[in-house]
Structure formats: structure tokens, C-alpha cells
Amino acid sequence: MAERASVLVAGATGLIGRALLNRLAGDPRVGAVTALVRRTSARQAWPAGCQALAVDYSTLGAASAPGLPKADWAFCCLGTTIKVAGSQDAFRAVDFDAVLAFARAARAAGATRFGLVSAMGASERSSVFYNRVKGEVERELSAHGWPHLVIARPSLLLGERGALGQPARPGEQLAQRLMPALGWLIPKSLRPITDQAVAAALLAGVAEARPGTTVLESGALADLAARA
């Protein structure tokens, strides 16, 4: 039997990060899982085989900062909104700076496979700030020379944010109510997608390890999740 992969997960307390941790915990291909968090809490329950590691993304990767545990795979589920972050600069600090800091540290820790949660419409040429930052971080990661890079671009995300102590998002709440009746009218590439589906597809893509960069748009994520 092949040696089981050691895994790093950044953004483990979010919707997709939490769904991904639960899948990793039951995957026979996976060994130790380290969840990167900004602070540890005795009240936080983690899946079996997973341990939390508090990190400061502003110093992660610096010579004076501790390195990450040895890893084979790395997943980045970091992300916020401009409304939550409070400004464009604060948003960029999470969705660009922290993502790249984690990627560099994961690469230094030995990871050769990287899975990123991006967003539908990501493009470095976009006139929309949110999408432009997402596109810029995709470009930078692609330039890092990862042997296996999987980029997930989900559409509107569906999931239970309240269970994670996160504020509800009106657009997501509306989509949750309308999808059962009207979802079939929406093209698959634009259809809202669940956190569970994104996590399943991202894990499947990284485990498959296609050489180079693989971009999974929302429809492809749904298809891959169904097969997984």
C-alpha cells in the first residue's frame, strides 16, 4: 500500500474548509492532517486524525517564523468578503497575501499538490475588484511551478454558515430557498453549489494529480463531486 499523504489545510474553519476536513478524515489515502488557524480554541472540535496549528499569515514563510509540518498535499480555502474585511486592502491581505504566504510555506514543507478555492469569474483582467484579486492570485500560484495545481471556481456557495458561527449571506439564503424548485432552469455552470460538493471535487482533483494546472469551473466541480 502506498504511503498515506500528509495534508495541510488553510481556511479550515470556513464552509469548504470544514467540509474538506471531514472528507480527509475518512479518506484511506490520507494520513496526518494539519488545520491552520489564526488561534486555537479548546472548544473547537476537530475530526479524528486532525490537529490544529495556530499561524500568523503576515509572517508565515519568513526566516524568523516557524515552518509548517512536512506535507505532501496542501489545500487553501482562505477567503473573505470586502464587507467582512472592511476594506479592499484588508480583503487583499487575506485573499492574496495570506494565500501566497501559505502556498510558499507549503511548498517549502515538501508539498507537491496544491488545491485552491477561488471563485467563478476570477480573472486578473476583470474590472471587478473581487474577481481581479482572485485572478491575480491564480496567476501567481501558476507561476510557482507546482507539479500539480487544482483551482476550483465555484459559483454561489450553499451551506450552513450559522453552524460555524458565521453571519448569513442574503444571496445564499435566497438561493437555498429557490434551488429546489427553480434550480433546473439555471445552467449548470452558473448554478449555486454546496460546500460539500466543492470539497469533494477539490479533494478528487488533488488526489488525481494531473500534471500542471487544472481549473475546475462550477459545472465541472458538480460533475466531479457526483463521480467522487
C-alpha atoms as a PDB file:
ATOM      1  CA  MET A   1       0.000   0.000   0.000  1.00  0.00           C
ATOM      2  CA  ALA A   2       1.289   3.467  -0.873  1.00  0.00           C
ATOM      3  CA  GLU A   3       2.288   5.709   1.995  1.00  0.00           C
ATOM      4  CA  ARG A   4      -0.582   7.918   3.100  1.00  0.00           C
ATOM      5  CA  ALA A   5      -0.338  11.633   2.319  1.00  0.00           C
ATOM      6  CA  SER A   6       0.274  14.259   4.967  1.00  0.00           C
ATOM      7  CA  VAL A   7      -2.015  17.215   4.380  1.00  0.00           C
ATOM      8  CA  LEU A   8      -2.147  20.925   5.247  1.00  0.00           C
ATOM      9  CA  VAL A   9      -5.420  22.863   5.161  1.00  0.00           C
ATOM     10  CA  ALA A  10      -5.600  26.665   5.379  1.00  0.00           C
ATOM     11  CA  GLY A  11      -9.001  28.213   5.989  1.00  0.00           C
ATOM     12  CA  ALA A  12     -10.168  25.134   7.857  1.00  0.00           C
ATOM     13  CA  THR A  13     -12.833  26.944   9.871  1.00  0.00           C
ATOM     14  CA  GLY A  14     -14.831  28.099   6.831  1.00  0.00           C
ATOM     15  CA  LEU A  15     -17.604  26.307   4.966  1.00  0.00           C
ATOM     16  CA  ILE A  16     -15.475  24.491   2.413  1.00  0.00           C
ATOM     17  CA  GLY A  17     -12.535  24.042   4.781  1.00  0.00           C
ATOM     18  CA  ARG A  18     -14.669  22.297   7.377  1.00  0.00           C
ATOM     19  CA  ALA A  19     -16.330  20.073   4.760  1.00  0.00           C
ATOM     20  CA  LEU A  20     -12.894  19.212   3.379  1.00  0.00           C
ATOM     21  CA  LEU A  21     -11.511  18.285   6.825  1.00  0.00           C
ATOM     22  CA  ASN A  22     -14.354  15.830   7.365  1.00  0.00           C
ATOM     23  CA  ARG A  23     -13.672  14.194   4.000  1.00  0.00           C
ATOM     24  CA  LEU A  24      -9.946  13.988   4.613  1.00  0.00           C
ATOM     25  CA  ALA A  25     -10.567  12.304   7.973  1.00  0.00           C
ATOM     26  CA  GLY A  26     -12.309   9.383   6.274  1.00  0.00           C
ATOM     27  CA  ASP A  27     -10.031   9.051   3.245  1.00  0.00           C
ATOM     28  CA  PRO A  28      -7.722   5.985   3.280  1.00  0.00           C
ATOM     29  CA  ARG A  29      -5.203   7.856   1.093  1.00  0.00           C
ATOM     30  CA  VAL A  30      -4.691  10.477   3.805  1.00  0.00           C
ATOM     31  CA  GLY A  31      -2.601  10.329   6.954  1.00  0.00           C
ATOM     32  CA  ALA A  32      -1.920  13.257   9.266  1.00  0.00           C
ATOM     33  CA  VAL A  33      -3.949  16.412   8.640  1.00  0.00           C
ATOM     34  CA  THR A  34      -2.901  19.804   9.982  1.00  0.00           C
ATOM     35  CA  ALA A  35      -5.511  22.578  10.052  1.00  0.00           C
ATOM     36  CA  LEU A  36      -4.016  26.068  10.017  1.00  0.00           C
ATOM     37  CA  VAL A  37      -5.952  28.524  12.182  1.00  0.00           C
ATOM     38  CA  ARG A  38      -5.344  32.031  13.445  1.00  0.00           C
ATOM     39  CA  ARG A  39      -5.905  30.901  17.024  1.00  0.00           C
ATOM     40  CA  THR A  40      -6.585  27.580  18.699  1.00  0.00           C
ATOM     41  CA  SER A  41      -9.551  27.008  20.985  1.00  0.00           C
ATOM     42  CA  ALA A  42     -10.202  24.241  23.482  1.00  0.00           C
ATOM     43  CA  ARG A  43     -13.871  24.375  22.436  1.00  0.00           C
ATOM     44  CA  GLN A  44     -13.106  23.681  18.780  1.00  0.00           C
ATOM     45  CA  ALA A  45     -13.743  20.048  17.844  1.00  0.00           C
ATOM     46  CA  TRP A  46     -11.640  18.616  15.033  1.00  0.00           C
ATOM     47  CA  PRO A  47     -12.135  15.383  13.069  1.00  0.00           C
ATOM     48  CA  ALA A  48     -10.114  12.333  14.060  1.00  0.00           C
ATOM     49  CA  GLY A  49      -6.533  12.481  12.835  1.00  0.00           C
ATOM     50  CA  CYS A  50      -6.582  16.261  12.501  1.00  0.00           C
ATOM     51  CA  GLN A  51      -4.614  18.690  14.632  1.00  0.00           C
ATOM     52  CA  ALA A  52      -4.797  22.473  14.697  1.00  0.00           C
ATOM     53  CA  LEU A  53      -1.792  24.752  14.258  1.00  0.00           C
ATOM     54  CA  ALA A  54      -2.020  28.470  15.017  1.00  0.00           C
ATOM     55  CA  VAL A  55      -0.221  30.601  12.434  1.00  0.00           C
ATOM     56  CA  ASP A  56       0.238  34.281  11.659  1.00  0.00           C
ATOM     57  CA  TYR A  57      -0.160  34.633   7.912  1.00  0.00           C
ATOM     58  CA  SER A  58       1.559  38.017   7.941  1.00  0.00           C
ATOM     59  CA  THR A  59       4.830  36.355   8.984  1.00  0.00           C
ATOM     60  CA  LEU A  60       4.318  32.830   7.601  1.00  0.00           C
ATOM     61  CA  GLY A  61       7.299  31.865   5.481  1.00  0.00           C
ATOM     62  CA  ALA A  62       9.619  34.456   6.991  1.00  0.00           C
ATOM     63  CA  ALA A  63      13.037  33.278   8.139  1.00  0.00           C
ATOM     64  CA  SER A  64      12.189  34.137  11.742  1.00  0.00           C
ATOM     65  CA  ALA A  65       8.862  32.250  11.718  1.00  0.00           C
ATOM     66  CA  PRO A  66       8.432  28.502  12.363  1.00  0.00           C
ATOM     67  CA  GLY A  67       7.956  26.392   9.252  1.00  0.00           C
ATOM     68  CA  LEU A  68       4.958  24.177   8.569  1.00  0.00           C
ATOM     69  CA  PRO A  69       4.951  20.416   9.236  1.00  0.00           C
ATOM     70  CA  LYS A  70       6.180  18.196   6.426  1.00  0.00           C
ATOM     71  CA  ALA A  71       3.396  17.714   3.914  1.00  0.00           C
ATOM     72  CA  ASP A  72       2.535  16.092   0.593  1.00  0.00           C
ATOM     73  CA  TRP A  73      -0.729  17.870  -0.239  1.00  0.00           C
ATOM     74  CA  ALA A  74      -1.934  21.376   0.624  1.00  0.00           C
ATOM     75  CA  PHE A  75      -5.397  22.908   0.346  1.00  0.00           C
ATOM     76  CA  CYS A  76      -6.171  26.611   0.572  1.00  0.00           C
ATOM     77  CA  CYS A  77      -9.751  27.523   1.488  1.00  0.00           C
ATOM     78  CA  LEU A  78      -8.904  31.014   2.728  1.00  0.00           C
ATOM     79  CA  GLY A  79     -11.309  33.735   1.727  1.00  0.00           C
ATOM     80  CA  THR A  80     -13.377  36.642   2.950  1.00  0.00           C
ATOM     81  CA  THR A  81     -15.523  39.421   1.500  1.00  0.00           C
ATOM     82  CA  ILE A  82     -14.842  43.127   1.296  1.00  0.00           C
ATOM     83  CA  LYS A  83     -17.807  43.717   3.597  1.00  0.00           C
ATOM     84  CA  VAL A  84     -16.436  41.404   6.276  1.00  0.00           C
ATOM     85  CA  ALA A  85     -12.822  42.508   5.813  1.00  0.00           C
ATOM     86  CA  GLY A  86     -13.779  46.175   5.967  1.00  0.00           C
ATOM     87  CA  SER A  87     -11.742  47.480   3.042  1.00  0.00           C
ATOM     88  CA  GLN A  88     -10.157  46.441  -0.234  1.00  0.00           C
ATOM     89  CA  ASP A  89      -6.717  46.402   1.386  1.00  0.00           C
ATOM     90  CA  ALA A  90      -7.904  44.134   4.192  1.00  0.00           C
ATOM     91  CA  PHE A  91      -9.599  41.848   1.679  1.00  0.00           C
ATOM     92  CA  ARG A  92      -6.417  41.608  -0.391  1.00  0.00           C
ATOM     93  CA  ALA A  93      -4.396  40.788   2.735  1.00  0.00           C
ATOM     94  CA  VAL A  94      -6.453  37.592   3.110  1.00  0.00           C
ATOM     95  CA  ASP A  95      -7.324  36.556  -0.450  1.00  0.00           C
ATOM     96  CA  PHE A  96      -3.944  37.389  -1.979  1.00  0.00           C
ATOM     97  CA  ASP A  97      -1.179  37.873   0.596  1.00  0.00           C
ATOM     98  CA  ALA A  98      -2.201  35.105   3.004  1.00  0.00           C
ATOM     99  CA  VAL A  99      -2.912  32.647   0.186  1.00  0.00           C
ATOM    100  CA  LEU A 100       0.530  33.139  -1.341  1.00  0.00           C
ATOM    101  CA  ALA A 101       2.242  33.044   2.053  1.00  0.00           C
ATOM    102  CA  PHE A 102       0.605  29.691   2.742  1.00  0.00           C
ATOM    103  CA  ALA A 103       1.490  28.367  -0.709  1.00  0.00           C
ATOM    104  CA  ARG A 104       5.161  29.283  -0.326  1.00  0.00           C
ATOM    105  CA  ALA A 105       5.315  27.748   3.164  1.00  0.00           C
ATOM    106  CA  ALA A 106       3.552  24.574   1.994  1.00  0.00           C
ATOM    107  CA  ARG A 107       5.969  24.214  -0.906  1.00  0.00           C
ATOM    108  CA  ALA A 108       8.891  24.633   1.494  1.00  0.00           C
ATOM    109  CA  ALA A 109       7.346  21.911   3.673  1.00  0.00           C
ATOM    110  CA  GLY A 110       7.516  19.499   0.740  1.00  0.00           C
ATOM    111  CA  ALA A 111       4.009  19.681  -0.708  1.00  0.00           C
ATOM    112  CA  THR A 112       3.795  18.906  -4.428  1.00  0.00           C
ATOM    113  CA  ARG A 113      -0.001  19.070  -4.828  1.00  0.00           C
ATOM    114  CA  PHE A 114      -1.984  22.228  -4.127  1.00  0.00           C
ATOM    115  CA  GLY A 115      -5.740  22.809  -4.219  1.00  0.00           C
ATOM    116  CA  LEU A 116      -7.124  26.361  -4.204  1.00  0.00           C
ATOM    117  CA  VAL A 117     -10.680  27.561  -3.691  1.00  0.00           C
ATOM    118  CA  SER A 118     -11.024  30.571  -5.993  1.00  0.00           C
ATOM    119  CA  ALA A 119     -14.278  31.968  -7.424  1.00  0.00           C
ATOM    120  CA  MET A 120     -16.368  31.967 -10.575  1.00  0.00           C
ATOM    121  CA  GLY A 121     -15.336  34.869 -12.786  1.00  0.00           C
ATOM    122  CA  ALA A 122     -11.790  35.062 -11.452  1.00  0.00           C
ATOM    123  CA  SER A 123      -9.627  36.993 -13.904  1.00  0.00           C
ATOM    124  CA  GLU A 124      -6.656  39.294 -13.474  1.00  0.00           C
ATOM    125  CA  ARG A 125      -8.198  41.492 -16.198  1.00  0.00           C
ATOM    126  CA  SER A 126     -11.600  41.805 -14.520  1.00  0.00           C
ATOM    127  CA  SER A 127     -12.982  45.271 -13.782  1.00  0.00           C
ATOM    128  CA  VAL A 128     -14.492  43.826 -10.576  1.00  0.00           C
ATOM    129  CA  PHE A 129     -12.001  44.115  -7.719  1.00  0.00           C
ATOM    130  CA  TYR A 130     -13.013  40.827  -6.074  1.00  0.00           C
ATOM    131  CA  ASN A 131     -12.656  38.830  -9.277  1.00  0.00           C
ATOM    132  CA  ARG A 132      -9.439  40.615 -10.210  1.00  0.00           C
ATOM    133  CA  VAL A 133      -7.743  39.709  -6.929  1.00  0.00           C
ATOM    134  CA  LYS A 134      -8.863  36.104  -7.332  1.00  0.00           C
ATOM    135  CA  GLY A 135      -7.401  36.076 -10.845  1.00  0.00           C
ATOM    136  CA  GLU A 136      -4.145  37.635  -9.694  1.00  0.00           C
ATOM    137  CA  VAL A 137      -3.608  35.022  -7.004  1.00  0.00           C
ATOM    138  CA  GLU A 138      -4.341  32.259  -9.532  1.00  0.00           C
ATOM    139  CA  ARG A 139      -1.703  33.742 -11.839  1.00  0.00           C
ATOM    140  CA  GLU A 140       0.896  33.897  -9.063  1.00  0.00           C
ATOM    141  CA  LEU A 141       0.233  30.327  -7.942  1.00  0.00           C
ATOM    142  CA  SER A 142       0.531  29.066 -11.513  1.00  0.00           C
ATOM    143  CA  ALA A 143       3.923  30.764 -11.733  1.00  0.00           C
ATOM    144  CA  HIS A 144       5.164  28.946  -8.605  1.00  0.00           C
ATOM    145  CA  GLY A 145       5.820  25.813 -10.628  1.00  0.00           C
ATOM    146  CA  TRP A 146       3.577  23.443  -8.700  1.00  0.00           C
ATOM    147  CA  PRO A 147       3.776  19.929 -10.194  1.00  0.00           C
ATOM    148  CA  HIS A 148       0.021  19.568  -9.546  1.00  0.00           C
ATOM    149  CA  LEU A 149      -2.192  22.618  -9.039  1.00  0.00           C
ATOM    150  CA  VAL A 150      -6.002  22.405  -8.903  1.00  0.00           C
ATOM    151  CA  ILE A 151      -8.043  25.614  -8.944  1.00  0.00           C
ATOM    152  CA  ALA A 152     -11.735  25.414  -8.031  1.00  0.00           C
ATOM    153  CA  ARG A 153     -14.012  28.227  -9.208  1.00  0.00           C
ATOM    154  CA  PRO A 154     -17.367  27.645  -7.505  1.00  0.00           C
ATOM    155  CA  SER A 155     -20.411  29.784  -8.203  1.00  0.00           C
ATOM    156  CA  LEU A 156     -22.673  30.983  -5.372  1.00  0.00           C
ATOM    157  CA  LEU A 157     -21.902  28.776  -2.377  1.00  0.00           C
ATOM    158  CA  LEU A 158     -24.606  26.977  -0.402  1.00  0.00           C
ATOM    159  CA  GLY A 159     -24.047  25.766   3.149  1.00  0.00           C
ATOM    160  CA  GLU A 160     -24.942  26.230   6.804  1.00  0.00           C
ATOM    161  CA  ARG A 161     -22.873  29.195   7.907  1.00  0.00           C
ATOM    162  CA  GLY A 162     -24.772  29.539  11.157  1.00  0.00           C
ATOM    163  CA  ALA A 163     -23.364  26.244  12.420  1.00  0.00           C
ATOM    164  CA  LEU A 164     -19.876  27.735  12.065  1.00  0.00           C
ATOM    165  CA  GLY A 165     -20.779  30.988  13.787  1.00  0.00           C
ATOM    166  CA  GLN A 166     -20.631  32.934  10.529  1.00  0.00           C
ATOM    167  CA  PRO A 167     -23.167  35.587   9.508  1.00  0.00           C
ATOM    168  CA  ALA A 168     -25.737  34.518   6.942  1.00  0.00           C
ATOM    169  CA  ARG A 169     -25.400  35.930   3.422  1.00  0.00           C
ATOM    170  CA  PRO A 170     -28.731  37.071   1.928  1.00  0.00           C
ATOM    171  CA  GLY A 171     -27.910  35.921  -1.608  1.00  0.00           C
ATOM    172  CA  GLU A 172     -27.051  32.444  -0.371  1.00  0.00           C
ATOM    173  CA  GLN A 173     -30.205  32.251   1.748  1.00  0.00           C
ATOM    174  CA  LEU A 174     -32.350  33.189  -1.238  1.00  0.00           C
ATOM    175  CA  ALA A 175     -30.615  30.625  -3.431  1.00  0.00           C
ATOM    176  CA  GLN A 176     -31.165  27.917  -0.798  1.00  0.00           C
ATOM    177  CA  ARG A 177     -34.910  28.583  -0.915  1.00  0.00           C
ATOM    178  CA  LEU A 178     -35.198  28.791  -4.701  1.00  0.00           C
ATOM    179  CA  MET A 179     -32.900  25.974  -5.804  1.00  0.00           C
ATOM    180  CA  PRO A 180     -35.259  23.023  -5.091  1.00  0.00           C
ATOM    181  CA  ALA A 181     -37.937  24.460  -7.382  1.00  0.00           C
ATOM    182  CA  LEU A 182     -36.013  26.504  -9.932  1.00  0.00           C
ATOM    183  CA  GLY A 183     -32.504  25.083  -9.980  1.00  0.00           C
ATOM    184  CA  TRP A 184     -33.131  23.067 -13.133  1.00  0.00           C
ATOM    185  CA  LEU A 185     -33.693  26.330 -15.051  1.00  0.00           C
ATOM    186  CA  ILE A 186     -30.170  27.580 -14.327  1.00  0.00           C
ATOM    187  CA  PRO A 187     -27.247  26.386 -16.493  1.00  0.00           C
ATOM    188  CA  LYS A 188     -25.017  24.027 -14.548  1.00  0.00           C
ATOM    189  CA  SER A 189     -22.047  26.370 -14.926  1.00  0.00           C
ATOM    190  CA  LEU A 190     -23.965  29.120 -13.089  1.00  0.00           C
ATOM    191  CA  ARG A 191     -25.978  27.009 -10.667  1.00  0.00           C
ATOM    192  CA  PRO A 192     -25.259  27.502  -6.930  1.00  0.00           C
ATOM    193  CA  ILE A 193     -23.155  24.692  -5.484  1.00  0.00           C
ATOM    194  CA  THR A 194     -22.864  23.242  -1.991  1.00  0.00           C
ATOM    195  CA  ASP A 195     -19.786  23.388   0.194  1.00  0.00           C
ATOM    196  CA  GLN A 196     -19.815  19.583   0.295  1.00  0.00           C
ATOM    197  CA  ALA A 197     -19.671  19.330  -3.500  1.00  0.00           C
ATOM    198  CA  VAL A 198     -16.770  21.776  -3.758  1.00  0.00           C
ATOM    199  CA  ALA A 199     -14.833  19.932  -1.047  1.00  0.00           C
ATOM    200  CA  ALA A 200     -15.431  16.555  -2.692  1.00  0.00           C
ATOM    201  CA  ALA A 201     -14.367  17.803  -6.126  1.00  0.00           C
ATOM    202  CA  LEU A 202     -11.279  19.614  -4.842  1.00  0.00           C
ATOM    203  CA  LEU A 203     -10.112  16.519  -2.982  1.00  0.00           C
ATOM    204  CA  ALA A 204     -10.760  14.329  -6.022  1.00  0.00           C
ATOM    205  CA  GLY A 205      -8.830  16.714  -8.265  1.00  0.00           C
ATOM    206  CA  VAL A 206      -5.809  16.868  -5.983  1.00  0.00           C
ATOM    207  CA  ALA A 207      -5.821  13.095  -5.435  1.00  0.00           C
ATOM    208  CA  GLU A 208      -5.929  12.523  -9.209  1.00  0.00           C
ATOM    209  CA  ALA A 209      -2.801  14.674  -9.576  1.00  0.00           C
ATOM    210  CA  ARG A 210      -2.951  15.714 -13.211  1.00  0.00           C
ATOM    211  CA  PRO A 211       0.338  17.372 -14.228  1.00  0.00           C
ATOM    212  CA  GLY A 212       0.343  21.165 -14.332  1.00  0.00           C
ATOM    213  CA  THR A 213      -2.637  23.399 -13.595  1.00  0.00           C
ATOM    214  CA  THR A 214      -6.233  22.180 -13.694  1.00  0.00           C
ATOM    215  CA  VAL A 215      -9.039  24.756 -13.486  1.00  0.00           C
ATOM    216  CA  LEU A 216     -12.440  23.430 -12.456  1.00  0.00           C
ATOM    217  CA  GLU A 217     -15.353  25.738 -13.197  1.00  0.00           C
ATOM    218  CA  SER A 218     -18.521  25.312 -11.147  1.00  0.00           C
ATOM    219  CA  GLY A 219     -20.230  22.892 -13.525  1.00  0.00           C
ATOM    220  CA  ALA A 220     -17.125  20.712 -13.658  1.00  0.00           C
ATOM    221  CA  LEU A 221     -16.939  20.790  -9.862  1.00  0.00           C
ATOM    222  CA  ALA A 222     -20.508  19.496  -9.625  1.00  0.00           C
ATOM    223  CA  ASP A 223     -19.786  16.710 -12.117  1.00  0.00           C
ATOM    224  CA  LEU A 224     -16.577  15.655 -10.380  1.00  0.00           C
ATOM    225  CA  ALA A 225     -18.273  15.695  -6.970  1.00  0.00           C
ATOM    226  CA  ALA A 226     -21.045  13.448  -8.289  1.00  0.00           C
ATOM    227  CA  ARG A 227     -18.484  10.933  -9.540  1.00  0.00           C
ATOM    228  CA  ALA A 228     -16.464  11.139  -6.324  1.00  0.00           C
END
